[in-house]
Structure formats: C-alpha cells, structure tokens
C-alpha atoms as a PDB file:
ATOM      1  CA  UNK A   1     -16.079 -37.717  -0.538  1.00  0.00           C
ATOM      2  CA  UNK A   2     -15.298 -35.112  -3.073  1.00  0.00           C
ATOM      3  CA  UNK A   3     -15.393 -35.888  -6.718  1.00  0.00           C
ATOM      4  CA  UNK A   4     -12.192 -33.571  -7.475  1.00  0.00           C
ATOM      5  CA  UNK A   5      -8.574 -34.071  -6.488  1.00  0.00           C
ATOM      6  CA  UNK A   6      -6.536 -31.700  -4.010  1.00  0.00           C
ATOM      7  CA  UNK A   7      -2.899 -32.365  -3.486  1.00  0.00           C
ATOM      8  CA  UNK A   8      -1.810 -33.138  -0.280  1.00  0.00           C
ATOM      9  CA  UNK A   9       0.188 -30.181  -0.146  1.00  0.00           C
ATOM     10  CA  UNK A  10      -2.635 -27.640  -1.661  1.00  0.00           C
ATOM     11  CA  UNK A  11      -5.283 -25.951   0.759  1.00  0.00           C
ATOM     12  CA  UNK A  12      -8.771 -25.711  -0.997  1.00  0.00           C
ATOM     13  CA  UNK A  13     -10.898 -24.125   1.088  1.00  0.00           C
ATOM     14  CA  UNK A  14     -13.671 -23.534  -1.174  1.00  0.00           C
ATOM     15  CA  UNK A  15     -16.778 -26.182  -1.139  1.00  0.00           C
ATOM     16  CA  UNK A  16     -17.685 -24.960  -4.871  1.00  0.00           C
ATOM     17  CA  UNK A  17     -15.214 -27.117  -7.310  1.00  0.00           C
ATOM     18  CA  UNK A  18     -16.299 -29.109  -9.848  1.00  0.00           C
ATOM     19  CA  UNK A  19     -16.190 -32.879 -10.503  1.00  0.00           C
ATOM     20  CA  UNK A  20     -12.953 -33.746 -12.190  1.00  0.00           C
ATOM     21  CA  UNK A  21     -11.002 -30.847 -11.373  1.00  0.00           C
ATOM     22  CA  UNK A  22      -7.522 -31.158  -9.897  1.00  0.00           C
ATOM     23  CA  UNK A  23      -5.643 -28.914  -7.422  1.00  0.00           C
ATOM     24  CA  UNK A  24      -1.674 -29.219  -7.410  1.00  0.00           C
ATOM     25  CA  UNK A  25       0.691 -28.622  -4.773  1.00  0.00           C
ATOM     26  CA  UNK A  26       0.882 -25.331  -3.134  1.00  0.00           C
ATOM     27  CA  UNK A  27      -1.933 -23.741  -4.416  1.00  0.00           C
ATOM     28  CA  UNK A  28      -4.315 -21.977  -2.208  1.00  0.00           C
ATOM     29  CA  UNK A  29      -8.096 -21.693  -3.289  1.00  0.00           C
ATOM     30  CA  UNK A  30      -9.920 -19.427  -0.856  1.00  0.00           C
ATOM     31  CA  UNK A  31     -13.377 -20.170   0.566  1.00  0.00           C
ATOM     32  CA  UNK A  32     -15.688 -17.909  -1.613  1.00  0.00           C
ATOM     33  CA  UNK A  33     -13.898 -19.151  -4.952  1.00  0.00           C
ATOM     34  CA  UNK A  34     -16.197 -20.805  -7.431  1.00  0.00           C
ATOM     35  CA  UNK A  35     -14.116 -23.304  -9.837  1.00  0.00           C
ATOM     36  CA  UNK A  36     -15.927 -25.422 -12.605  1.00  0.00           C
ATOM     37  CA  UNK A  37     -15.556 -28.864 -13.456  1.00  0.00           C
ATOM     38  CA  UNK A  38     -12.467 -30.613 -15.385  1.00  0.00           C
ATOM     39  CA  UNK A  39     -10.145 -27.710 -14.513  1.00  0.00           C
ATOM     40  CA  UNK A  40      -6.617 -28.204 -14.185  1.00  0.00           C
ATOM     41  CA  UNK A  41      -5.127 -25.628 -11.539  1.00  0.00           C
ATOM     42  CA  UNK A  42      -1.247 -25.887 -11.485  1.00  0.00           C
ATOM     43  CA  UNK A  43       1.294 -25.702  -8.672  1.00  0.00           C
ATOM     44  CA  UNK A  44       1.910 -22.362  -6.918  1.00  0.00           C
ATOM     45  CA  UNK A  45      -1.174 -20.618  -7.850  1.00  0.00           C
ATOM     46  CA  UNK A  46      -3.761 -18.468  -5.764  1.00  0.00           C
ATOM     47  CA  UNK A  47      -7.486 -17.938  -6.181  1.00  0.00           C
ATOM     48  CA  UNK A  48      -9.084 -15.629  -4.152  1.00  0.00           C
ATOM     49  CA  UNK A  49     -12.685 -15.427  -2.684  1.00  0.00           C
ATOM     50  CA  UNK A  50     -14.439 -13.560  -5.574  1.00  0.00           C
ATOM     51  CA  UNK A  51     -13.294 -15.268  -8.544  1.00  0.00           C
ATOM     52  CA  UNK A  52     -15.468 -17.416 -10.987  1.00  0.00           C
ATOM     53  CA  UNK A  53     -13.534 -20.060 -13.038  1.00  0.00           C
ATOM     54  CA  UNK A  54     -15.632 -21.881 -15.407  1.00  0.00           C
ATOM     55  CA  UNK A  55     -15.497 -25.382 -16.739  1.00  0.00           C
ATOM     56  CA  UNK A  56     -12.356 -27.162 -18.516  1.00  0.00           C
ATOM     57  CA  UNK A  57     -10.116 -24.167 -17.642  1.00  0.00           C
ATOM     58  CA  UNK A  58      -6.137 -24.580 -16.992  1.00  0.00           C
ATOM     59  CA  UNK A  59      -4.682 -22.358 -15.017  1.00  0.00           C
ATOM     60  CA  UNK A  60      -0.630 -23.163 -15.287  1.00  0.00           C
ATOM     61  CA  UNK A  61       1.786 -22.787 -12.690  1.00  0.00           C
ATOM     62  CA  UNK A  62       2.275 -19.624 -10.479  1.00  0.00           C
ATOM     63  CA  UNK A  63      -0.794 -17.715 -11.303  1.00  0.00           C
ATOM     64  CA  UNK A  64      -2.628 -15.451  -8.956  1.00  0.00           C
ATOM     65  CA  UNK A  65      -6.236 -15.030  -9.767  1.00  0.00           C
ATOM     66  CA  UNK A  66      -7.876 -11.769  -7.858  1.00  0.00           C
ATOM     67  CA  UNK A  67     -11.070 -10.772  -6.712  1.00  0.00           C
ATOM     68  CA  UNK A  68     -13.213  -9.580  -9.485  1.00  0.00           C
ATOM     69  CA  UNK A  69     -11.785 -12.183 -11.919  1.00  0.00           C
ATOM     70  CA  UNK A  70     -14.002 -14.115 -14.184  1.00  0.00           C
ATOM     71  CA  UNK A  71     -12.609 -16.716 -16.589  1.00  0.00           C
ATOM     72  CA  UNK A  72     -15.074 -18.478 -18.586  1.00  0.00           C
ATOM     73  CA  UNK A  73     -15.304 -22.416 -19.836  1.00  0.00           C
ATOM     74  CA  UNK A  74     -12.483 -23.544 -22.231  1.00  0.00           C
ATOM     75  CA  UNK A  75      -9.825 -20.901 -21.120  1.00  0.00           C
ATOM     76  CA  UNK A  76      -6.019 -21.493 -21.146  1.00  0.00           C
ATOM     77  CA  UNK A  77      -4.030 -19.464 -18.693  1.00  0.00           C
ATOM     78  CA  UNK A  78      -0.138 -19.580 -19.357  1.00  0.00           C
ATOM     79  CA  UNK A  79       2.628 -20.129 -16.994  1.00  0.00           C
ATOM     80  CA  UNK A  80       3.077 -16.914 -14.649  1.00  0.00           C
ATOM     81  CA  UNK A  81       0.547 -14.662 -16.200  1.00  0.00           C
ATOM     82  CA  UNK A  82      -0.680 -11.772 -14.153  1.00  0.00           C
ATOM     83  CA  UNK A  83      -4.168 -10.450 -13.353  1.00  0.00           C
ATOM     84  CA  UNK A  84      -4.395  -7.141 -11.827  1.00  0.00           C
ATOM     85  CA  UNK A  85      -7.741  -5.516 -10.066  1.00  0.00           C
ATOM     86  CA  UNK A  86      -6.864  -2.208  -8.831  1.00  0.00           C
ATOM     87  CA  UNK A  87      -5.906   0.869 -11.166  1.00  0.00           C
ATOM     88  CA  UNK A  88      -4.491   2.750  -8.547  1.00  0.00           C
ATOM     89  CA  UNK A  89      -2.699   0.418  -6.092  1.00  0.00           C
ATOM     90  CA  UNK A  90      -1.364   1.682  -2.824  1.00  0.00           C
ATOM     91  CA  UNK A  91       0.287  -0.049   0.254  1.00  0.00           C
ATOM     92  CA  UNK A  92      -2.379  -0.865   2.930  1.00  0.00           C
ATOM     93  CA  UNK A  93      -5.016   1.275   1.173  1.00  0.00           C
ATOM     94  CA  UNK A  94      -8.282  -0.771   1.984  1.00  0.00           C
ATOM     95  CA  UNK A  95     -10.613   1.804   0.081  1.00  0.00           C
ATOM     96  CA  UNK A  96      -9.339   0.625  -3.382  1.00  0.00           C
ATOM     97  CA  UNK A  97     -11.959   0.310  -6.178  1.00  0.00           C
ATOM     98  CA  UNK A  98     -11.392  -3.322  -7.529  1.00  0.00           C
ATOM     99  CA  UNK A  99     -12.253  -3.433 -11.135  1.00  0.00           C
ATOM    100  CA  UNK A 100     -13.524  -6.348 -13.125  1.00  0.00           C
ATOM    101  CA  UNK A 101     -11.543  -8.683 -15.692  1.00  0.00           C
ATOM    102  CA  UNK A 102     -13.405 -11.109 -18.043  1.00  0.00           C
ATOM    103  CA  UNK A 103     -11.501 -13.868 -20.183  1.00  0.00           C
ATOM    104  CA  UNK A 104     -14.058 -15.061 -22.457  1.00  0.00           C
ATOM    105  CA  UNK A 105     -14.902 -18.790 -23.290  1.00  0.00           C
ATOM    106  CA  UNK A 106     -12.127 -20.350 -25.528  1.00  0.00           C
ATOM    107  CA  UNK A 107      -9.200 -17.656 -24.858  1.00  0.00           C
ATOM    108  CA  UNK A 108      -6.003 -17.881 -24.627  1.00  0.00           C
ATOM    109  CA  UNK A 109      -3.285 -15.946 -22.497  1.00  0.00           C
ATOM    110  CA  UNK A 110       0.235 -16.784 -23.035  1.00  0.00           C
ATOM    111  CA  UNK A 111       3.068 -16.651 -20.665  1.00  0.00           C
ATOM    112  CA  UNK A 112       4.025 -13.929 -18.405  1.00  0.00           C
ATOM    113  CA  UNK A 113       1.189 -11.843 -19.838  1.00  0.00           C
ATOM    114  CA  UNK A 114      -0.066  -9.189 -18.092  1.00  0.00           C
ATOM    115  CA  UNK A 115      -4.153  -8.145 -17.970  1.00  0.00           C
ATOM    116  CA  UNK A 116      -4.246  -4.758 -16.584  1.00  0.00           C
ATOM    117  CA  UNK A 117      -7.305  -4.808 -14.296  1.00  0.00           C
ATOM    118  CA  UNK A 118     -10.901  -3.952 -16.243  1.00  0.00           C
ATOM    119  CA  UNK A 119     -10.332  -5.770 -19.821  1.00  0.00           C
ATOM    120  CA  UNK A 120     -12.443  -8.173 -21.178  1.00  0.00           C
ATOM    121  CA  UNK A 121     -10.495 -10.344 -23.268  1.00  0.00           C
ATOM    122  CA  UNK A 122     -12.836 -12.067 -26.443  1.00  0.00           C
ATOM    123  CA  UNK A 123     -14.211 -15.368 -27.150  1.00  0.00           C
ATOM    124  CA  UNK A 124     -11.053 -17.525 -28.512  1.00  0.00           C
ATOM    125  CA  UNK A 125      -8.805 -14.924 -28.788  1.00  0.00           C
ATOM    126  CA  UNK A 126      -5.164 -15.325 -28.280  1.00  0.00           C
ATOM    127  CA  UNK A 127      -2.810 -13.037 -26.305  1.00  0.00           C
ATOM    128  CA  UNK A 128       0.778 -13.759 -26.735  1.00  0.00           C
ATOM    129  CA  UNK A 129       3.515 -14.751 -24.303  1.00  0.00           C
ATOM    130  CA  UNK A 130       4.729 -11.619 -22.468  1.00  0.00           C
ATOM    131  CA  UNK A 131       1.998  -9.030 -23.832  1.00  0.00           C
ATOM    132  CA  UNK A 132       0.833  -6.210 -21.546  1.00  0.00           C
ATOM    133  CA  UNK A 133      -2.886  -5.946 -22.366  1.00  0.00           C
ATOM    134  CA  UNK A 134      -4.174  -2.348 -21.230  1.00  0.00           C
ATOM    135  CA  UNK A 135      -7.527  -2.816 -23.490  1.00  0.00           C
ATOM    136  CA  UNK A 136     -10.097  -5.002 -24.268  1.00  0.00           C
ATOM    137  CA  UNK A 137      -9.337  -7.568 -27.088  1.00  0.00           C
ATOM    138  CA  UNK A 138     -12.050  -8.513 -29.573  1.00  0.00           C
ATOM    139  CA  UNK A 139     -13.026 -12.174 -30.127  1.00  0.00           C
ATOM    140  CA  UNK A 140     -10.871 -14.122 -32.260  1.00  0.00           C
ATOM    141  CA  UNK A 141      -8.150 -11.429 -32.152  1.00  0.00           C
ATOM    142  CA  UNK A 142      -4.405 -12.244 -31.915  1.00  0.00           C
ATOM    143  CA  UNK A 143      -2.595  -9.594 -29.682  1.00  0.00           C
ATOM    144  CA  UNK A 144       0.863  -9.516 -28.348  1.00  0.00           C
ATOM    145  CA  UNK A 145       3.625  -6.748 -27.568  1.00  0.00           C
ATOM    146  CA  UNK A 146       3.670  -3.924 -24.950  1.00  0.00           C
ATOM    147  CA  UNK A 147       1.399  -2.489 -25.047  1.00  0.00           C
ATOM    148  CA  UNK A 148      -0.483  -5.242 -26.855  1.00  0.00           C
ATOM    149  CA  UNK A 149      -1.877  -4.686 -30.499  1.00  0.00           C
ATOM    150  CA  UNK A 150      -4.036  -6.400 -32.737  1.00  0.00           C
ATOM    151  CA  UNK A 151      -1.910  -8.139 -34.855  1.00  0.00           C
ATOM    152  CA  UNK A 152      -4.219 -10.598 -36.735  1.00  0.00           C
ATOM    153  CA  UNK A 153      -7.052 -12.979 -36.261  1.00  0.00           C
ATOM    154  CA  UNK A 154      -7.140 -16.823 -34.888  1.00  0.00           C
ATOM    155  CA  UNK A 155      -9.425 -19.413 -35.421  1.00  0.00           C
ATOM    156  CA  UNK A 156     -11.404 -21.292 -32.979  1.00  0.00           C
ATOM    157  CA  UNK A 157      -8.798 -23.867 -33.159  1.00  0.00           C
ATOM    158  CA  UNK A 158      -6.222 -21.787 -32.352  1.00  0.00           C
ATOM    159  CA  UNK A 159      -4.447 -21.485 -35.972  1.00  0.00           C
ATOM    160  CA  UNK A 160      -3.784 -18.247 -37.609  1.00  0.00           C
ATOM    161  CA  UNK A 161      -6.184 -16.810 -40.180  1.00  0.00           C
ATOM    162  CA  UNK A 162      -5.009 -15.372 -43.401  1.00  0.00           C
ATOM    163  CA  UNK A 163      -7.837 -13.095 -44.489  1.00  0.00           C
ATOM    164  CA  UNK A 164      -8.871 -11.545 -47.642  1.00  0.00           C
ATOM    165  CA  UNK A 165     -11.545  -9.655 -48.813  1.00  0.00           C
ATOM    166  CA  UNK A 166     -12.955  -9.624 -45.662  1.00  0.00           C
ATOM    167  CA  UNK A 167     -13.279 -13.386 -45.337  1.00  0.00           C
ATOM    168  CA  UNK A 168     -10.838 -16.133 -43.896  1.00  0.00           C
ATOM    169  CA  UNK A 169     -11.262 -19.994 -43.930  1.00  0.00           C
ATOM    170  CA  UNK A 170      -9.117 -22.031 -41.379  1.00  0.00           C
ATOM    171  CA  UNK A 171      -7.443 -25.423 -42.241  1.00  0.00           C
ATOM    172  CA  UNK A 172      -9.996 -27.041 -39.888  1.00  0.00           C
ATOM    173  CA  UNK A 173     -12.902 -25.760 -41.871  1.00  0.00           C
ATOM    174  CA  UNK A 174     -14.258 -23.048 -39.948  1.00  0.00           C
ATOM    175  CA  UNK A 175     -15.237 -19.786 -42.051  1.00  0.00           C
ATOM    176  CA  UNK A 176     -15.302 -16.093 -40.802  1.00  0.00           C
ATOM    177  CA  UNK A 177     -16.272 -12.691 -41.510  1.00  0.00           C
ATOM    178  CA  UNK A 178     -13.432  -9.933 -40.901  1.00  0.00           C
ATOM    179  CA  UNK A 179     -14.620  -6.264 -40.845  1.00  0.00           C
ATOM    180  CA  UNK A 180     -12.498  -3.682 -39.325  1.00  0.00           C
ATOM    181  CA  UNK A 181     -11.978  -5.032 -35.681  1.00  0.00           C
ATOM    182  CA  UNK A 182     -14.354  -7.545 -35.878  1.00  0.00           C
ATOM    183  CA  UNK A 183     -14.182 -11.225 -36.534  1.00  0.00           C
ATOM    184  CA  UNK A 184     -17.374 -13.757 -36.463  1.00  0.00           C
ATOM    185  CA  UNK A 185     -17.443 -17.044 -37.297  1.00  0.00           C
ATOM    186  CA  UNK A 186     -20.014 -17.641 -40.255  1.00  0.00           C
ATOM    187  CA  UNK A 187     -20.479 -21.521 -39.947  1.00  0.00           C
END
C-alpha cells in the first residue's frame, strides 16, 4: 500500500513519491519523476520524467514542471506559474537543447510568474506574481516585474527586510548582511 495519496482522477506513473505527499485530481506524474515527502501537488498539474521535486514542496494548481527542472525542499510554486526548458522552441523540433532550471530551498514563485529556462532561483528568494524571470535570482532576493528586477530582500520567514548600513534584522529575529547583490543570514 502506498504511503502517499493519489486522487482517483489523477494519474501517477512514478514509483518515486515520498511519504505523505498528496497528488490531486487531473494531475499527471510521469514514470521518471521523483517527488519527495510531504508535498502537495495541486489539480491540473503535469510533472515530466526528468524532474526532481524535494520535500515539503507546494505545487499549486495548473503548473507543468518540464524535464530539466529541479525544485529543492520547502519551495512554494504559485498557481499557474510557468517553467520553460527550451530557449529556441520550434514545433516538432526533436533536437532541442534542454536547459536546466533550479529553484533553491525555501524559495517562493508567485502566481503566473514565468521562469525562462536555465535560471536559478536562490534560497529563500521571492519571485512576485506575474514576474518574468530571465536571469538568476540571488538568495533572499525579492524580484518582480517584466523583466524581473531586484526590488529588495526577504527573510527566510518571508518578511521584507529593511536594510540599513549593509545590515538588516527581521521582526522574527533573523539577522542579515547585505552587500550589493548578495544577502546572507548572519545568525
């Protein structure tokens, strides 16, 4: 008996799904996909063969996760956000060059955001709703817009940081050092 839940209207071909994961209606998980424990995969999703999804990941409704995408632990993917994995797509082109996309631990990608293939979203970064990400996003960065631009910094808890003199302290107590396009937790 499986130690994960698959809705009776979902199709899960993968045998590599972690304990406590839930896969909801009208979702298709292909054979080679690997999904960690404690995940929630919403309705109307598609997860292709060469995908790795870590533990405690939330994949909201209407998301297709294509070959070459890695989603690390504790990531939130907002409704209908988009991954791409081919920089020069053409109909019926079978010789395309698949690019790798990585969403690092603790990151959030907002609803309807688009991640152009080949980018890395840093640890605990936050991509705003509707953003179009064409470049790597640093750890703890807050980005939004089209194209997405660095607009600030966020704590691991999700609160916006207010830097002063190269440092920031969150209301939750976490402390950070900020230098140019780099933000690191110091405690």
